[in-house]
């Protein structure tokens, strides 16, 4: 009976294992292999060793621009996403009248198409007759070049990404908050702890794991950001290089310049950076849980 159950279990997971091998491990291995070649999709691949990586770090000035923009974009996205997600989750974690409606409204951006909502936001950010500048004009504020100024374009892209990312963070954090025992809050109320003190002393420590998960996922999504940047400011990373992110750089070299090997090298550099950041964040969160 034990062998039969073990055999049945292996058959159940076989499909997932095959799927991971074909759609994850396989492409990863192929991209690592291609990163050692120079290939334009039309001629035969030519082995160049680590030349693509050397070019990336020593001969491509746009790489450092993309890294800088991606780091700034990640910071502009990460802190508001986590902060707003915490506040919204705390507000939705209450048994009040109409809370179901507010929870549904808060989660709606999560199901919206990223490209579609970026196009809508592009109309909102239009300098001349955009909705945002029309509202600002009612207060006597001159039109703001949201998508024309390089610095403001990155801020605008961050606003759109935060709007899209907050619902996911809220879902995770709200689920974690609903798992906190109510007895702890009752005991804290008896001891005279206010709402803010209960939130920082009880809620935050007990949802540290999900909070760390939100941190990691938000960083990964920010570093890999492409679709919203492409739809909002175009595929060239403009204006100038204001929204030239690593995702845009990867897209250009792979599908515009047909430098597949170079794009694969860039993809593996991005993967290595995300892997290191993820490991550091997970170790830090586990150390905090142990010390707590």
C-alpha atoms as a PDB file:
ATOM      1  CA  UNK A   1       0.000   0.000   0.000  1.00  0.00           C
ATOM      2  CA  UNK A   2       2.842   2.396   0.834  1.00  0.00           C
ATOM      3  CA  UNK A   3       4.526   1.713  -2.516  1.00  0.00           C
ATOM      4  CA  UNK A   4       1.252   2.206  -4.352  1.00  0.00           C
ATOM      5  CA  UNK A   5       0.692   5.553  -2.643  1.00  0.00           C
ATOM      6  CA  UNK A   6       4.257   6.634  -3.381  1.00  0.00           C
ATOM      7  CA  UNK A   7       3.836   5.659  -7.041  1.00  0.00           C
ATOM      8  CA  UNK A   8       0.556   7.552  -7.257  1.00  0.00           C
ATOM      9  CA  UNK A   9       2.181  10.599  -5.673  1.00  0.00           C
ATOM     10  CA  UNK A  10       4.988  10.530  -8.218  1.00  0.00           C
ATOM     11  CA  UNK A  11       2.473  10.398 -11.064  1.00  0.00           C
ATOM     12  CA  UNK A  12       0.571  13.341  -9.607  1.00  0.00           C
ATOM     13  CA  UNK A  13       3.678  15.563  -9.463  1.00  0.00           C
ATOM     14  CA  UNK A  14       5.132  14.294 -12.756  1.00  0.00           C
ATOM     15  CA  UNK A  15       3.169  16.794 -14.858  1.00  0.00           C
ATOM     16  CA  UNK A  16       4.358  19.730 -12.749  1.00  0.00           C
ATOM     17  CA  UNK A  17       7.942  18.497 -12.802  1.00  0.00           C
ATOM     18  CA  UNK A  18       7.838  18.163 -16.591  1.00  0.00           C
ATOM     19  CA  UNK A  19       6.286  21.626 -16.885  1.00  0.00           C
ATOM     20  CA  UNK A  20       8.984  23.188 -14.723  1.00  0.00           C
ATOM     21  CA  UNK A  21      11.682  21.401 -16.711  1.00  0.00           C
ATOM     22  CA  UNK A  22      10.311  22.395 -20.118  1.00  0.00           C
ATOM     23  CA  UNK A  23       9.182  25.961 -19.383  1.00  0.00           C
ATOM     24  CA  UNK A  24      11.636  27.057 -16.659  1.00  0.00           C
ATOM     25  CA  UNK A  25      14.806  24.991 -16.375  1.00  0.00           C
ATOM     26  CA  UNK A  26      15.071  24.436 -20.126  1.00  0.00           C
ATOM     27  CA  UNK A  27      14.854  28.118 -21.129  1.00  0.00           C
ATOM     28  CA  UNK A  28      17.244  29.056 -18.319  1.00  0.00           C
ATOM     29  CA  UNK A  29      19.832  26.590 -19.588  1.00  0.00           C
ATOM     30  CA  UNK A  30      19.371  27.728 -23.194  1.00  0.00           C
ATOM     31  CA  UNK A  31      19.710  31.407 -22.274  1.00  0.00           C
ATOM     32  CA  UNK A  32      22.888  30.699 -20.302  1.00  0.00           C
ATOM     33  CA  UNK A  33      24.245  28.815 -23.306  1.00  0.00           C
ATOM     34  CA  UNK A  34      23.326  31.644 -25.691  1.00  0.00           C
ATOM     35  CA  UNK A  35      24.945  34.254 -23.444  1.00  0.00           C
ATOM     36  CA  UNK A  36      28.301  32.790 -24.518  1.00  0.00           C
ATOM     37  CA  UNK A  37      27.546  33.309 -28.206  1.00  0.00           C
ATOM     38  CA  UNK A  38      27.018  36.127 -30.658  1.00  0.00           C
ATOM     39  CA  UNK A  39      23.795  35.415 -32.553  1.00  0.00           C
ATOM     40  CA  UNK A  40      21.457  37.593 -34.614  1.00  0.00           C
ATOM     41  CA  UNK A  41      18.785  34.921 -35.255  1.00  0.00           C
ATOM     42  CA  UNK A  42      19.720  34.688 -38.948  1.00  0.00           C
ATOM     43  CA  UNK A  43      23.358  33.604 -39.118  1.00  0.00           C
ATOM     44  CA  UNK A  44      24.971  30.726 -37.264  1.00  0.00           C
ATOM     45  CA  UNK A  45      25.820  31.394 -33.573  1.00  0.00           C
ATOM     46  CA  UNK A  46      29.458  32.329 -33.011  1.00  0.00           C
ATOM     47  CA  UNK A  47      31.119  31.410 -29.713  1.00  0.00           C
ATOM     48  CA  UNK A  48      32.541  34.485 -27.944  1.00  0.00           C
ATOM     49  CA  UNK A  49      32.939  33.212 -24.387  1.00  0.00           C
ATOM     50  CA  UNK A  50      32.539  35.940 -21.775  1.00  0.00           C
ATOM     51  CA  UNK A  51      32.756  38.775 -24.320  1.00  0.00           C
ATOM     52  CA  UNK A  52      29.085  39.657 -23.898  1.00  0.00           C
ATOM     53  CA  UNK A  53      29.560  40.071 -20.156  1.00  0.00           C
ATOM     54  CA  UNK A  54      32.741  42.132 -20.617  1.00  0.00           C
ATOM     55  CA  UNK A  55      30.956  44.378 -23.095  1.00  0.00           C
ATOM     56  CA  UNK A  56      28.070  44.789 -20.686  1.00  0.00           C
ATOM     57  CA  UNK A  57      30.229  45.965 -17.768  1.00  0.00           C
ATOM     58  CA  UNK A  58      32.991  47.824 -19.604  1.00  0.00           C
ATOM     59  CA  UNK A  59      31.838  49.000 -23.030  1.00  0.00           C
ATOM     60  CA  UNK A  60      28.127  49.799 -22.798  1.00  0.00           C
ATOM     61  CA  UNK A  61      27.403  53.145 -21.102  1.00  0.00           C
ATOM     62  CA  UNK A  62      23.663  52.573 -21.362  1.00  0.00           C
ATOM     63  CA  UNK A  63      23.938  49.618 -18.982  1.00  0.00           C
ATOM     64  CA  UNK A  64      24.841  51.837 -16.026  1.00  0.00           C
ATOM     65  CA  UNK A  65      22.071  54.257 -16.987  1.00  0.00           C
ATOM     66  CA  UNK A  66      19.602  51.366 -17.006  1.00  0.00           C
ATOM     67  CA  UNK A  67      20.912  50.134 -13.644  1.00  0.00           C
ATOM     68  CA  UNK A  68      20.621  53.605 -12.100  1.00  0.00           C
ATOM     69  CA  UNK A  69      17.096  54.133 -13.433  1.00  0.00           C
ATOM     70  CA  UNK A  70      16.036  50.663 -12.304  1.00  0.00           C
ATOM     71  CA  UNK A  71      17.382  51.213  -8.784  1.00  0.00           C
ATOM     72  CA  UNK A  72      15.637  54.592  -8.486  1.00  0.00           C
ATOM     73  CA  UNK A  73      12.451  53.138  -9.955  1.00  0.00           C
ATOM     74  CA  UNK A  74      12.581  50.209  -7.516  1.00  0.00           C
ATOM     75  CA  UNK A  75      12.944  52.533  -4.530  1.00  0.00           C
ATOM     76  CA  UNK A  76      10.138  54.790  -5.771  1.00  0.00           C
ATOM     77  CA  UNK A  77       7.938  51.722  -6.180  1.00  0.00           C
ATOM     78  CA  UNK A  78       8.929  49.576  -3.211  1.00  0.00           C
ATOM     79  CA  UNK A  79       8.411  51.967  -0.301  1.00  0.00           C
ATOM     80  CA  UNK A  80       4.983  53.322  -1.364  1.00  0.00           C
ATOM     81  CA  UNK A  81       3.740  49.863  -2.351  1.00  0.00           C
ATOM     82  CA  UNK A  82       4.591  48.307   1.006  1.00  0.00           C
ATOM     83  CA  UNK A  83       3.506  51.341   3.017  1.00  0.00           C
ATOM     84  CA  UNK A  84       0.186  51.851   1.251  1.00  0.00           C
ATOM     85  CA  UNK A  85      -0.413  48.097   1.186  1.00  0.00           C
ATOM     86  CA  UNK A  86       0.021  47.941   4.956  1.00  0.00           C
ATOM     87  CA  UNK A  87      -2.340  50.844   5.573  1.00  0.00           C
ATOM     88  CA  UNK A  88      -5.015  49.578   3.188  1.00  0.00           C
ATOM     89  CA  UNK A  89      -4.791  46.032   4.578  1.00  0.00           C
ATOM     90  CA  UNK A  90      -5.140  47.357   8.128  1.00  0.00           C
ATOM     91  CA  UNK A  91      -8.198  49.410   7.140  1.00  0.00           C
ATOM     92  CA  UNK A  92      -9.794  46.459   5.354  1.00  0.00           C
ATOM     93  CA  UNK A  93      -9.105  44.139   8.287  1.00  0.00           C
ATOM     94  CA  UNK A  94     -12.193  45.355  10.098  1.00  0.00           C
ATOM     95  CA  UNK A  95     -15.754  44.118  10.441  1.00  0.00           C
ATOM     96  CA  UNK A  96     -17.623  47.252   9.417  1.00  0.00           C
ATOM     97  CA  UNK A  97     -20.673  47.891   7.250  1.00  0.00           C
ATOM     98  CA  UNK A  98     -19.876  47.701   3.533  1.00  0.00           C
ATOM     99  CA  UNK A  99     -16.381  46.298   4.037  1.00  0.00           C
ATOM    100  CA  UNK A 100     -16.988  43.779   1.231  1.00  0.00           C
ATOM    101  CA  UNK A 101     -17.513  46.597  -1.279  1.00  0.00           C
ATOM    102  CA  UNK A 102     -14.334  48.388  -0.208  1.00  0.00           C
ATOM    103  CA  UNK A 103     -12.301  45.174  -0.397  1.00  0.00           C
ATOM    104  CA  UNK A 104     -13.568  44.538  -3.924  1.00  0.00           C
ATOM    105  CA  UNK A 105     -12.788  48.102  -5.003  1.00  0.00           C
ATOM    106  CA  UNK A 106      -9.273  47.876  -3.557  1.00  0.00           C
ATOM    107  CA  UNK A 107      -8.551  44.657  -5.448  1.00  0.00           C
ATOM    108  CA  UNK A 108      -9.867  45.777  -8.866  1.00  0.00           C
ATOM    109  CA  UNK A 109      -6.506  47.075 -10.213  1.00  0.00           C
ATOM    110  CA  UNK A 110      -5.092  43.589  -9.600  1.00  0.00           C
ATOM    111  CA  UNK A 111      -7.229  42.081 -12.362  1.00  0.00           C
ATOM    112  CA  UNK A 112      -6.773  44.928 -14.859  1.00  0.00           C
ATOM    113  CA  UNK A 113      -4.490  44.457 -17.847  1.00  0.00           C
ATOM    114  CA  UNK A 114      -1.143  46.150 -17.258  1.00  0.00           C
ATOM    115  CA  UNK A 115      -0.902  47.467 -20.813  1.00  0.00           C
ATOM    116  CA  UNK A 116      -4.515  48.676 -20.835  1.00  0.00           C
ATOM    117  CA  UNK A 117      -4.192  50.541 -17.568  1.00  0.00           C
ATOM    118  CA  UNK A 118      -0.858  52.049 -18.703  1.00  0.00           C
ATOM    119  CA  UNK A 119      -2.572  53.418 -21.819  1.00  0.00           C
ATOM    120  CA  UNK A 120      -5.305  54.948 -19.632  1.00  0.00           C
ATOM    121  CA  UNK A 121      -2.704  56.505 -17.362  1.00  0.00           C
ATOM    122  CA  UNK A 122      -0.925  57.877 -20.432  1.00  0.00           C
ATOM    123  CA  UNK A 123      -4.040  59.899 -21.254  1.00  0.00           C
ATOM    124  CA  UNK A 124      -4.249  61.016 -17.620  1.00  0.00           C
ATOM    125  CA  UNK A 125      -0.634  62.253 -17.700  1.00  0.00           C
ATOM    126  CA  UNK A 126      -0.954  64.099 -21.037  1.00  0.00           C
ATOM    127  CA  UNK A 127       0.545  67.579 -20.642  1.00  0.00           C
ATOM    128  CA  UNK A 128      -1.980  69.687 -22.572  1.00  0.00           C
ATOM    129  CA  UNK A 129      -5.375  68.159 -21.859  1.00  0.00           C
ATOM    130  CA  UNK A 130      -4.662  65.314 -19.471  1.00  0.00           C
ATOM    131  CA  UNK A 131      -7.083  64.757 -16.617  1.00  0.00           C
ATOM    132  CA  UNK A 132      -4.424  65.277 -13.945  1.00  0.00           C
ATOM    133  CA  UNK A 133      -3.253  68.611 -15.341  1.00  0.00           C
ATOM    134  CA  UNK A 134      -6.865  69.741 -15.806  1.00  0.00           C
ATOM    135  CA  UNK A 135      -7.466  69.084 -12.113  1.00  0.00           C
ATOM    136  CA  UNK A 136      -4.246  70.879 -11.162  1.00  0.00           C
ATOM    137  CA  UNK A 137      -5.281  73.829 -13.348  1.00  0.00           C
ATOM    138  CA  UNK A 138      -8.352  74.347 -11.184  1.00  0.00           C
ATOM    139  CA  UNK A 139      -5.960  75.174  -8.339  1.00  0.00           C
ATOM    140  CA  UNK A 140      -3.926  77.552 -10.471  1.00  0.00           C
ATOM    141  CA  UNK A 141      -1.057  75.123 -11.096  1.00  0.00           C
ATOM    142  CA  UNK A 142       0.569  75.236 -14.526  1.00  0.00           C
ATOM    143  CA  UNK A 143       0.567  72.052 -16.647  1.00  0.00           C
ATOM    144  CA  UNK A 144       3.202  69.563 -15.501  1.00  0.00           C
ATOM    145  CA  UNK A 145       5.172  67.694 -18.213  1.00  0.00           C
ATOM    146  CA  UNK A 146       4.635  64.297 -16.612  1.00  0.00           C
ATOM    147  CA  UNK A 147       5.768  62.236 -19.593  1.00  0.00           C
ATOM    148  CA  UNK A 148       8.030  64.806 -21.247  1.00  0.00           C
ATOM    149  CA  UNK A 149      10.492  65.639 -18.491  1.00  0.00           C
ATOM    150  CA  UNK A 150      12.934  62.691 -18.005  1.00  0.00           C
ATOM    151  CA  UNK A 151      12.844  62.852 -14.208  1.00  0.00           C
ATOM    152  CA  UNK A 152       9.083  63.256 -13.995  1.00  0.00           C
ATOM    153  CA  UNK A 153       8.565  60.438 -16.492  1.00  0.00           C
ATOM    154  CA  UNK A 154      10.224  57.989 -14.106  1.00  0.00           C
ATOM    155  CA  UNK A 155       8.088  59.308 -11.255  1.00  0.00           C
ATOM    156  CA  UNK A 156       4.964  58.918 -13.401  1.00  0.00           C
ATOM    157  CA  UNK A 157       5.956  55.356 -14.241  1.00  0.00           C
ATOM    158  CA  UNK A 158       6.427  54.672 -10.527  1.00  0.00           C
ATOM    159  CA  UNK A 159       2.960  56.045  -9.735  1.00  0.00           C
ATOM    160  CA  UNK A 160       1.381  53.725 -12.291  1.00  0.00           C
ATOM    161  CA  UNK A 161       3.348  50.747 -10.991  1.00  0.00           C
ATOM    162  CA  UNK A 162       2.421  51.488  -7.376  1.00  0.00           C
ATOM    163  CA  UNK A 163      -1.256  51.734  -8.364  1.00  0.00           C
ATOM    164  CA  UNK A 164      -0.959  48.317  -9.983  1.00  0.00           C
ATOM    165  CA  UNK A 165       1.142  46.713  -7.227  1.00  0.00           C
ATOM    166  CA  UNK A 166      -0.690  47.854  -4.097  1.00  0.00           C
ATOM    167  CA  UNK A 167      -3.660  45.446  -4.508  1.00  0.00           C
ATOM    168  CA  UNK A 168      -1.371  42.386  -4.593  1.00  0.00           C
ATOM    169  CA  UNK A 169       0.492  43.572  -1.504  1.00  0.00           C
ATOM    170  CA  UNK A 170      -2.846  44.272   0.168  1.00  0.00           C
ATOM    171  CA  UNK A 171      -4.152  40.769  -0.567  1.00  0.00           C
ATOM    172  CA  UNK A 172      -1.076  39.107   0.953  1.00  0.00           C
ATOM    173  CA  UNK A 173      -0.899  41.370   3.993  1.00  0.00           C
ATOM    174  CA  UNK A 174      -4.636  41.260   4.656  1.00  0.00           C
ATOM    175  CA  UNK A 175      -4.593  37.460   4.616  1.00  0.00           C
ATOM    176  CA  UNK A 176      -1.686  37.530   7.067  1.00  0.00           C
ATOM    177  CA  UNK A 177      -3.427  40.024   9.365  1.00  0.00           C
ATOM    178  CA  UNK A 178      -6.568  37.904   9.481  1.00  0.00           C
ATOM    179  CA  UNK A 179      -4.431  35.070  10.851  1.00  0.00           C
ATOM    180  CA  UNK A 180      -3.297  37.079  13.884  1.00  0.00           C
ATOM    181  CA  UNK A 181      -5.134  35.801  17.007  1.00  0.00           C
ATOM    182  CA  UNK A 182      -7.729  38.255  18.244  1.00  0.00           C
ATOM    183  CA  UNK A 183      -6.833  37.361  21.850  1.00  0.00           C
ATOM    184  CA  UNK A 184      -3.545  39.227  21.489  1.00  0.00           C
ATOM    185  CA  UNK A 185      -5.346  42.429  20.553  1.00  0.00           C
ATOM    186  CA  UNK A 186      -7.793  41.997  23.412  1.00  0.00           C
ATOM    187  CA  UNK A 187      -4.952  41.562  25.889  1.00  0.00           C
ATOM    188  CA  UNK A 188      -3.230  44.652  24.505  1.00  0.00           C
ATOM    189  CA  UNK A 189      -6.420  46.703  24.820  1.00  0.00           C
ATOM    190  CA  UNK A 190      -6.767  45.640  28.440  1.00  0.00           C
ATOM    191  CA  UNK A 191      -3.185  46.794  29.045  1.00  0.00           C
ATOM    192  CA  UNK A 192      -4.071  50.168  27.572  1.00  0.00           C
ATOM    193  CA  UNK A 193      -2.322  49.871  24.192  1.00  0.00           C
ATOM    194  CA  UNK A 194      -3.764  52.098  21.475  1.00  0.00           C
ATOM    195  CA  UNK A 195      -4.430  51.169  17.860  1.00  0.00           C
ATOM    196  CA  UNK A 196      -1.024  52.345  16.622  1.00  0.00           C
ATOM    197  CA  UNK A 197       0.821  50.564  19.430  1.00  0.00           C
ATOM    198  CA  UNK A 198      -1.096  47.334  18.740  1.00  0.00           C
ATOM    199  CA  UNK A 199      -0.279  47.605  15.047  1.00  0.00           C
ATOM    200  CA  UNK A 200       3.483  48.055  15.555  1.00  0.00           C
ATOM    201  CA  UNK A 201       3.876  45.694  18.518  1.00  0.00           C
ATOM    202  CA  UNK A 202       1.554  42.862  17.473  1.00  0.00           C
ATOM    203  CA  UNK A 203       0.596  43.023  13.804  1.00  0.00           C
ATOM    204  CA  UNK A 204       3.958  43.871  12.248  1.00  0.00           C
ATOM    205  CA  UNK A 205       6.006  41.220  14.129  1.00  0.00           C
ATOM    206  CA  UNK A 206       3.442  38.486  13.399  1.00  0.00           C
ATOM    207  CA  UNK A 207       3.244  39.221   9.661  1.00  0.00           C
ATOM    208  CA  UNK A 208       6.985  39.610   9.163  1.00  0.00           C
ATOM    209  CA  UNK A 209       7.136  36.579   6.848  1.00  0.00           C
ATOM    210  CA  UNK A 210       4.408  37.760   4.430  1.00  0.00           C
ATOM    211  CA  UNK A 211       5.813  41.287   4.661  1.00  0.00           C
ATOM    212  CA  UNK A 212       9.221  39.999   3.591  1.00  0.00           C
ATOM    213  CA  UNK A 213       7.547  38.124   0.733  1.00  0.00           C
ATOM    214  CA  UNK A 214       5.897  41.354  -0.441  1.00  0.00           C
ATOM    215  CA  UNK A 215       9.277  43.097  -0.304  1.00  0.00           C
ATOM    216  CA  UNK A 216      10.921  40.429  -2.451  1.00  0.00           C
ATOM    217  CA  UNK A 217       8.112  40.191  -5.013  1.00  0.00           C
ATOM    218  CA  UNK A 218       7.900  43.977  -5.355  1.00  0.00           C
ATOM    219  CA  UNK A 219      11.644  44.222  -5.963  1.00  0.00           C
ATOM    220  CA  UNK A 220      11.541  41.420  -8.533  1.00  0.00           C
ATOM    221  CA  UNK A 221       8.604  42.998 -10.376  1.00  0.00           C
ATOM    222  CA  UNK A 222      10.296  46.409 -10.363  1.00  0.00           C
ATOM    223  CA  UNK A 223      13.587  45.117 -11.748  1.00  0.00           C
ATOM    224  CA  UNK A 224      11.757  43.137 -14.421  1.00  0.00           C
ATOM    225  CA  UNK A 225       9.362  45.995 -15.279  1.00  0.00           C
ATOM    226  CA  UNK A 226       8.770  46.300 -19.004  1.00  0.00           C
ATOM    227  CA  UNK A 227       5.143  46.259 -20.140  1.00  0.00           C
ATOM    228  CA  UNK A 228       4.007  49.352 -18.244  1.00  0.00           C
ATOM    229  CA  UNK A 229       7.134  51.285 -19.311  1.00  0.00           C
ATOM    230  CA  UNK A 230       6.658  50.242 -22.928  1.00  0.00           C
ATOM    231  CA  UNK A 231       2.990  51.254 -22.969  1.00  0.00           C
ATOM    232  CA  UNK A 232       3.480  54.492 -21.035  1.00  0.00           C
ATOM    233  CA  UNK A 233       6.622  56.008 -22.591  1.00  0.00           C
ATOM    234  CA  UNK A 234       7.418  53.777 -25.569  1.00  0.00           C
ATOM    235  CA  UNK A 235      10.023  51.113 -26.210  1.00  0.00           C
ATOM    236  CA  UNK A 236      13.021  53.448 -26.337  1.00  0.00           C
ATOM    237  CA  UNK A 237      13.166  54.346 -22.654  1.00  0.00           C
ATOM    238  CA  UNK A 238      12.365  57.980 -23.323  1.00  0.00           C
ATOM    239  CA  UNK A 239      12.112  60.827 -22.912  1.00  0.00           C
ATOM    240  CA  UNK A 240      15.875  60.805 -23.485  1.00  0.00           C
ATOM    241  CA  UNK A 241      16.886  57.981 -21.118  1.00  0.00           C
ATOM    242  CA  UNK A 242      14.453  58.900 -18.329  1.00  0.00           C
ATOM    243  CA  UNK A 243      12.666  55.524 -18.306  1.00  0.00           C
ATOM    244  CA  UNK A 244      15.450  53.407 -19.794  1.00  0.00           C
ATOM    245  CA  UNK A 245      15.117  50.405 -17.474  1.00  0.00           C
ATOM    246  CA  UNK A 246      16.831  47.036 -17.622  1.00  0.00           C
ATOM    247  CA  UNK A 247      13.652  45.494 -19.030  1.00  0.00           C
ATOM    248  CA  UNK A 248      13.603  48.032 -21.883  1.00  0.00           C
ATOM    249  CA  UNK A 249      17.299  47.438 -22.549  1.00  0.00           C
ATOM    250  CA  UNK A 250      16.740  43.684 -22.665  1.00  0.00           C
ATOM    251  CA  UNK A 251      13.824  44.079 -25.077  1.00  0.00           C
ATOM    252  CA  UNK A 252      15.770  46.371 -27.398  1.00  0.00           C
ATOM    253  CA  UNK A 253      18.813  44.139 -27.725  1.00  0.00           C
ATOM    254  CA  UNK A 254      16.767  40.962 -28.124  1.00  0.00           C
ATOM    255  CA  UNK A 255      13.980  42.088 -30.466  1.00  0.00           C
ATOM    256  CA  UNK A 256      15.133  45.392 -32.007  1.00  0.00           C
ATOM    257  CA  UNK A 257      18.878  44.872 -32.458  1.00  0.00           C
ATOM    258  CA  UNK A 258      18.689  41.049 -32.700  1.00  0.00           C
ATOM    259  CA  UNK A 259      21.608  40.614 -30.307  1.00  0.00           C
ATOM    260  CA  UNK A 260      20.272  37.495 -28.659  1.00  0.00           C
ATOM    261  CA  UNK A 261      23.534  36.493 -26.974  1.00  0.00           C
ATOM    262  CA  UNK A 262      24.038  39.941 -25.501  1.00  0.00           C
ATOM    263  CA  UNK A 263      20.427  40.073 -24.312  1.00  0.00           C
ATOM    264  CA  UNK A 264      20.855  36.643 -22.697  1.00  0.00           C
ATOM    265  CA  UNK A 265      23.940  37.876 -20.850  1.00  0.00           C
ATOM    266  CA  UNK A 266      21.958  40.874 -19.591  1.00  0.00           C
ATOM    267  CA  UNK A 267      19.141  38.573 -18.484  1.00  0.00           C
ATOM    268  CA  UNK A 268      21.563  36.467 -16.441  1.00  0.00           C
ATOM    269  CA  UNK A 269      23.095  39.554 -14.833  1.00  0.00           C
ATOM    270  CA  UNK A 270      19.591  40.630 -13.822  1.00  0.00           C
ATOM    271  CA  UNK A 271      18.893  37.139 -12.502  1.00  0.00           C
ATOM    272  CA  UNK A 272      22.122  37.127 -10.462  1.00  0.00           C
ATOM    273  CA  UNK A 273      21.314  40.515  -8.933  1.00  0.00           C
ATOM    274  CA  UNK A 274      17.784  39.494  -8.028  1.00  0.00           C
ATOM    275  CA  UNK A 275      19.018  36.210  -6.581  1.00  0.00           C
ATOM    276  CA  UNK A 276      21.498  37.976  -4.306  1.00  0.00           C
ATOM    277  CA  UNK A 277      18.905  40.525  -3.160  1.00  0.00           C
ATOM    278  CA  UNK A 278      16.376  37.781  -2.482  1.00  0.00           C
ATOM    279  CA  UNK A 279      18.827  35.706  -0.439  1.00  0.00           C
ATOM    280  CA  UNK A 280      19.889  38.750   1.597  1.00  0.00           C
ATOM    281  CA  UNK A 281      16.276  39.735   2.264  1.00  0.00           C
ATOM    282  CA  UNK A 282      15.257  36.208   3.277  1.00  0.00           C
ATOM    283  CA  UNK A 283      18.223  35.824   5.633  1.00  0.00           C
ATOM    284  CA  UNK A 284      17.499  39.203   7.175  1.00  0.00           C
ATOM    285  CA  UNK A 285      13.842  38.344   7.712  1.00  0.00           C
ATOM    286  CA  UNK A 286      14.670  34.946   9.242  1.00  0.00           C
ATOM    287  CA  UNK A 287      17.239  36.521  11.542  1.00  0.00           C
ATOM    288  CA  UNK A 288      14.589  39.039  12.625  1.00  0.00           C
ATOM    289  CA  UNK A 289      12.127  36.234  13.342  1.00  0.00           C
ATOM    290  CA  UNK A 290      14.688  34.364  15.436  1.00  0.00           C
ATOM    291  CA  UNK A 291      15.696  37.461  17.396  1.00  0.00           C
ATOM    292  CA  UNK A 292      12.035  38.410  17.834  1.00  0.00           C
END
